[in-house]
N, C-alpha and C. Protein backbone atom coordinates (compact mmCIF):
# COMPACT_ATOMS: atom_id res chain seq x y z
N MET A 1 27.87 -1.17 10.32
CA MET A 1 26.70 -1.16 10.53
C MET A 1 26.33 0.00 11.59
N LEU A 2 25.28 1.07 11.33
CA LEU A 2 25.22 1.98 12.25
C LEU A 2 24.08 1.37 13.11
N SER A 3 24.18 2.21 14.57
CA SER A 3 23.41 2.18 15.50
C SER A 3 22.36 3.05 15.38
N GLY A 4 21.03 2.58 15.09
CA GLY A 4 19.83 3.62 15.27
C GLY A 4 19.20 3.84 16.57
N MET A 5 18.04 4.49 16.89
CA MET A 5 17.74 4.48 17.99
C MET A 5 17.11 3.33 18.67
N THR A 6 16.48 2.62 17.87
CA THR A 6 15.95 1.22 18.49
C THR A 6 16.76 0.11 18.09
N ARG A 7 17.30 -0.19 17.05
CA ARG A 7 18.00 -1.22 16.24
C ARG A 7 19.12 -0.78 15.45
N PRO A 8 20.01 -1.80 15.01
CA PRO A 8 21.06 -1.50 14.02
C PRO A 8 20.46 -1.16 12.78
N VAL A 9 21.41 -0.40 12.05
CA VAL A 9 20.74 0.06 10.73
C VAL A 9 22.02 -0.20 10.06
N ARG A 10 21.82 -0.19 8.56
CA ARG A 10 22.95 -0.18 7.53
C ARG A 10 22.86 1.20 6.77
N LYS A 11 23.75 1.79 6.34
CA LYS A 11 23.85 2.78 5.33
C LYS A 11 23.83 2.51 4.07
N LEU A 12 23.10 2.78 3.28
CA LEU A 12 23.03 2.48 1.92
C LEU A 12 22.93 3.59 0.85
N SER A 13 23.41 3.55 -0.38
CA SER A 13 23.64 4.55 -1.34
C SER A 13 22.58 4.14 -2.34
N ILE A 14 21.71 4.72 -2.93
CA ILE A 14 20.97 4.20 -3.72
C ILE A 14 20.64 5.25 -4.82
N SER A 15 20.25 4.94 -6.18
CA SER A 15 20.11 5.79 -7.27
C SER A 15 18.32 5.68 -7.37
N VAL A 16 17.52 6.62 -7.63
CA VAL A 16 16.39 6.77 -7.86
C VAL A 16 16.04 7.92 -9.16
N PRO A 17 14.84 7.64 -9.60
CA PRO A 17 14.77 8.53 -10.69
C PRO A 17 14.23 10.02 -10.11
N PRO A 18 14.45 10.92 -10.81
CA PRO A 18 14.37 12.42 -10.56
C PRO A 18 12.95 12.59 -9.82
N ASP A 19 11.92 11.92 -10.14
CA ASP A 19 10.48 12.30 -9.46
C ASP A 19 10.44 11.64 -8.05
N VAL A 20 11.23 10.49 -7.79
CA VAL A 20 11.58 10.07 -6.60
C VAL A 20 12.14 10.80 -5.94
N ALA A 21 13.37 11.33 -6.48
CA ALA A 21 14.57 12.33 -5.69
C ALA A 21 13.72 13.50 -5.03
N GLU A 22 12.76 14.02 -6.16
CA GLU A 22 12.16 15.43 -5.76
C GLU A 22 11.28 15.02 -4.60
N ARG A 23 10.69 13.81 -4.36
CA ARG A 23 9.61 13.64 -3.28
C ARG A 23 10.27 13.53 -1.98
N LEU A 24 11.51 12.54 -2.22
CA LEU A 24 12.35 12.25 -0.83
C LEU A 24 12.85 13.83 -0.53
N GLU A 25 13.14 14.55 -1.30
CA GLU A 25 13.61 16.01 -0.73
C GLU A 25 12.90 16.77 0.00
N GLN A 26 11.51 16.61 -0.23
CA GLN A 26 10.39 17.28 0.47
C GLN A 26 10.50 16.53 1.77
N GLU A 27 10.89 15.44 2.13
CA GLU A 27 10.96 14.94 3.58
C GLU A 27 11.82 15.27 4.57
N PRO A 28 11.33 15.47 5.50
CA PRO A 28 12.48 16.10 6.69
C PRO A 28 13.46 14.69 7.03
N ASN A 29 12.68 13.43 6.88
CA ASN A 29 13.62 12.24 7.25
C ASN A 29 13.41 11.31 5.86
N ALA A 30 13.93 11.43 4.92
CA ALA A 30 13.92 10.51 3.87
C ALA A 30 14.42 9.18 4.36
N SER A 31 14.96 8.74 5.13
CA SER A 31 15.20 7.38 5.64
C SER A 31 13.88 6.82 6.13
N ALA A 32 13.58 7.52 6.87
CA ALA A 32 12.28 6.99 7.58
C ALA A 32 10.92 6.97 6.76
N TYR A 33 10.87 7.75 5.75
CA TYR A 33 9.75 7.68 4.74
C TYR A 33 10.07 6.33 3.87
N LEU A 34 11.16 6.05 3.46
CA LEU A 34 11.57 4.89 2.90
C LEU A 34 11.49 3.72 3.34
N VAL A 35 11.92 3.85 4.91
CA VAL A 35 11.39 2.57 5.84
C VAL A 35 10.12 2.18 5.74
N HIS A 36 9.18 3.31 6.04
CA HIS A 36 7.76 3.27 5.99
C HIS A 36 7.19 2.45 4.73
N ALA A 37 7.69 3.09 3.70
CA ALA A 37 7.35 2.65 2.28
C ALA A 37 7.63 1.25 2.05
N ALA A 38 8.94 0.84 2.30
CA ALA A 38 9.33 -0.41 2.35
C ALA A 38 8.64 -1.58 2.98
N ARG A 39 8.63 -1.11 4.23
CA ARG A 39 7.51 -1.96 5.29
C ARG A 39 6.14 -2.07 4.88
N ALA A 40 5.46 -0.98 4.25
CA ALA A 40 4.12 -1.19 3.61
C ALA A 40 4.18 -2.46 2.57
N LEU A 41 5.14 -2.02 1.60
CA LEU A 41 5.19 -3.21 0.49
C LEU A 41 5.56 -4.90 1.14
N MET A 42 6.21 -4.77 2.20
CA MET A 42 6.59 -6.00 2.80
C MET A 42 5.35 -6.69 3.40
N ARG A 43 4.61 -5.71 4.08
CA ARG A 43 3.17 -6.53 4.51
C ARG A 43 2.40 -6.95 3.57
N ARG A 44 2.42 -5.97 2.37
CA ARG A 44 1.45 -6.33 1.26
C ARG A 44 1.84 -7.51 0.76
N GLU A 45 3.31 -7.77 0.44
CA GLU A 45 3.71 -9.05 -0.05
C GLU A 45 3.44 -10.29 0.73
N ALA A 46 3.57 -9.94 1.91
CA ALA A 46 3.30 -10.95 2.87
C ALA A 46 1.85 -11.31 2.83
N LEU A 47 0.86 -10.52 2.90
CA LEU A 47 -0.56 -10.81 2.70
C LEU A 47 -0.82 -11.40 1.58
N ASP A 48 -0.13 -11.12 0.34
CA ASP A 48 -0.19 -11.79 -0.91
C ASP A 48 0.03 -13.25 -0.83
N ALA A 49 1.44 -13.54 -0.17
CA ALA A 49 1.87 -14.93 0.05
C ALA A 49 0.83 -15.62 0.88
N GLU A 50 0.37 -15.13 1.93
CA GLU A 50 -0.80 -15.98 2.93
C GLU A 50 -1.87 -16.29 1.92
N LEU A 51 -2.48 -14.95 1.19
CA LEU A 51 -3.74 -15.42 0.46
C LEU A 51 -3.32 -16.42 -0.47
N ALA A 52 -2.12 -16.53 -1.01
CA ALA A 52 -2.16 -17.56 -2.03
C ALA A 52 -1.75 -18.90 -1.40
N HIS A 53 -1.47 -18.89 -0.04
CA HIS A 53 -1.12 -20.36 0.57
C HIS A 53 -2.60 -20.86 0.84
N GLN A 54 -3.28 -19.62 0.88
CA GLN A 54 -4.74 -20.35 1.36
C GLN A 54 -5.81 -20.49 -0.16
N GLY A 55 -5.07 -20.26 -1.05
CA GLY A 55 -5.59 -20.93 -2.26
C GLY A 55 -6.54 -19.72 -3.00
N ILE A 56 -6.05 -18.22 -2.53
CA ILE A 56 -6.90 -17.01 -2.95
C ILE A 56 -6.13 -16.31 -3.86
N THR A 57 -6.48 -16.05 -4.96
CA THR A 57 -6.01 -15.56 -6.01
C THR A 57 -6.22 -14.07 -5.99
N VAL A 58 -5.29 -13.07 -5.94
CA VAL A 58 -5.77 -11.69 -6.06
C VAL A 58 -5.36 -11.33 -7.58
N THR A 59 -6.52 -10.57 -8.46
CA THR A 59 -6.31 -10.25 -9.42
C THR A 59 -6.47 -8.86 -9.47
N GLU A 60 -6.20 -8.31 -10.79
CA GLU A 60 -6.50 -6.77 -10.90
C GLU A 60 -7.89 -6.47 -11.13
N ALA A 61 -8.31 -7.32 -11.89
CA ALA A 61 -9.93 -7.22 -11.79
C ALA A 61 -10.69 -7.20 -10.59
N GLY A 62 -10.45 -8.20 -9.54
CA GLY A 62 -10.91 -8.22 -8.13
C GLY A 62 -10.42 -7.04 -7.50
N VAL A 63 -9.30 -6.62 -7.64
CA VAL A 63 -8.92 -5.30 -6.88
C VAL A 63 -9.56 -4.14 -7.35
N ALA A 64 -10.07 -4.02 -8.76
CA ALA A 64 -10.75 -2.96 -9.25
C ALA A 64 -12.19 -3.12 -8.72
N ARG A 65 -12.76 -4.34 -8.58
CA ARG A 65 -14.21 -4.45 -8.19
C ARG A 65 -14.29 -4.18 -6.76
N ALA A 66 -13.14 -4.33 -5.84
CA ALA A 66 -13.20 -3.91 -4.43
C ALA A 66 -13.14 -2.66 -4.28
N ARG A 67 -12.18 -1.88 -5.08
CA ARG A 67 -12.19 -0.16 -5.00
C ARG A 67 -13.38 0.39 -5.55
N ALA A 68 -14.23 -0.24 -6.39
CA ALA A 68 -15.47 0.46 -6.98
C ALA A 68 -16.28 0.11 -5.83
N VAL A 69 -16.56 -0.97 -5.06
CA VAL A 69 -17.39 -1.27 -3.92
C VAL A 69 -16.99 0.01 -2.72
N ARG A 70 -15.85 -0.02 -2.45
CA ARG A 70 -15.44 1.02 -1.47
C ARG A 70 -15.61 2.37 -2.01
N ALA A 71 -15.38 2.63 -3.09
CA ALA A 71 -15.87 4.19 -3.45
C ALA A 71 -17.12 4.47 -3.41
N ALA A 72 -18.05 3.20 -3.26
CA ALA A 72 -19.56 3.65 -3.70
C ALA A 72 -20.09 3.76 -2.17
N VAL A 73 -19.36 2.99 -1.33
CA VAL A 73 -19.55 3.38 0.24
C VAL A 73 -19.24 4.43 0.86
N ASP A 74 -17.97 4.83 0.30
CA ASP A 74 -17.55 6.00 0.59
C ASP A 74 -18.47 7.36 0.11
N VAL A 75 -19.01 7.37 -0.71
CA VAL A 75 -19.99 8.17 -1.33
C VAL A 75 -21.40 8.15 -0.61
N ALA A 76 -21.91 7.10 -0.29
CA ALA A 76 -23.09 6.77 0.48
C ALA A 76 -23.03 7.00 1.95
N TRP A 77 -21.86 6.89 2.53
CA TRP A 77 -21.81 7.06 4.17
C TRP A 77 -21.45 8.32 4.46
N PRO A 78 -21.92 8.98 5.19
CA PRO A 78 -21.62 10.38 5.93
C PRO A 78 -20.54 10.29 6.95
N ALA A 79 -20.00 11.38 7.15
CA ALA A 79 -18.94 11.19 8.09
C ALA A 79 -19.47 10.61 9.29
N GLU A 80 -20.60 11.05 9.85
CA GLU A 80 -20.99 10.78 11.30
C GLU A 80 -21.21 9.07 11.15
N ARG A 81 -21.49 8.36 10.10
CA ARG A 81 -21.99 6.92 10.12
C ARG A 81 -20.55 6.35 10.31
N TYR A 82 -19.45 7.07 9.35
CA TYR A 82 -17.94 6.37 9.78
C TYR A 82 -17.57 6.35 11.23
N GLN A 83 -17.79 7.73 11.57
CA GLN A 83 -17.37 7.77 13.01
C GLN A 83 -17.99 6.75 14.19
N ALA A 84 -19.29 6.79 13.62
CA ALA A 84 -20.25 5.71 14.80
C ALA A 84 -19.58 4.43 14.89
N VAL A 85 -19.16 3.88 13.47
CA VAL A 85 -18.81 2.56 13.17
C VAL A 85 -17.52 2.46 14.16
N ARG A 86 -16.70 3.47 13.72
CA ARG A 86 -15.09 3.44 14.45
C ARG A 86 -15.18 3.27 15.91
N GLU A 87 -16.14 4.24 16.75
CA GLU A 87 -16.47 4.17 18.27
C GLU A 87 -16.99 2.91 18.79
N ARG A 88 -17.88 2.35 17.80
CA ARG A 88 -18.46 1.06 18.23
C ARG A 88 -17.50 -0.09 18.19
N VAL A 89 -16.74 -0.06 17.24
CA VAL A 89 -15.52 -0.96 16.92
C VAL A 89 -14.37 -0.95 18.09
N ARG A 90 -14.14 0.36 18.41
CA ARG A 90 -13.09 0.83 19.55
C ARG A 90 -13.76 0.10 20.88
N HIS A 91 -14.94 -0.01 20.97
CA HIS A 91 -15.62 -0.31 22.19
C HIS A 91 -15.95 -1.83 22.20
N THR A 92 -15.97 -2.45 21.15
CA THR A 92 -16.45 -4.11 21.22
C THR A 92 -14.98 -4.82 20.80
N VAL A 93 -14.13 -4.28 20.84
CA VAL A 93 -12.62 -5.11 20.38
C VAL A 93 -11.62 -5.06 21.34
N ASP A 94 -11.19 -6.16 21.94
CA ASP A 94 -10.18 -6.00 22.58
C ASP A 94 -8.79 -6.69 21.96
N GLU A 95 -7.54 -6.43 22.43
CA GLU A 95 -6.44 -7.16 22.04
C GLU A 95 -5.71 -8.18 22.98
N ASP A 96 -5.61 -9.32 22.78
CA ASP A 96 -5.37 -10.33 23.76
C ASP A 96 -3.89 -10.28 24.10
N PRO A 97 -3.23 -10.98 25.04
CA PRO A 97 -1.68 -10.92 25.41
C PRO A 97 -1.08 -11.42 24.30
N ALA A 98 -1.35 -12.33 23.43
CA ALA A 98 -0.60 -12.82 22.27
C ALA A 98 -0.82 -11.84 20.97
N GLY A 99 -1.45 -10.98 21.16
CA GLY A 99 -1.41 -9.79 19.96
C GLY A 99 -2.55 -9.77 19.27
N ARG A 100 -3.49 -10.86 19.24
CA ARG A 100 -4.51 -11.14 18.41
C ARG A 100 -5.72 -10.32 18.77
N VAL A 101 -6.37 -10.12 17.83
CA VAL A 101 -7.68 -9.13 17.92
C VAL A 101 -8.92 -9.83 18.16
N THR A 102 -9.67 -9.75 19.37
CA THR A 102 -10.88 -10.65 19.56
C THR A 102 -12.21 -9.95 19.85
N ALA A 103 -13.17 -10.42 19.72
CA ALA A 103 -14.28 -9.36 19.87
C ALA A 103 -14.74 -9.78 21.61
N ALA A 104 -15.14 -8.57 22.14
CA ALA A 104 -15.33 -8.53 23.54
C ALA A 104 -16.52 -9.15 23.94
């Protein structure tokens, strides 16, 4: 094991397709890029597992509907409205000591 800046790390040798290799070669820190991508996927998998545990099934059709609704909102809302909502949320949400987000 190698020591990283914050915690131990392991060095791996991986094989990737050419398009992925080309993308990684553009990154100043390919390891950090891959860690970020892997953790994002891990969070998604954990969310999917929790939803399944709660009896909620995520389907491709449901994801497509949600994306369509989001796209419609993106078109309908001007940037100023997004900014106003962001500011309102920042001012009305606090984080408690346990790390949970609660309304102020």
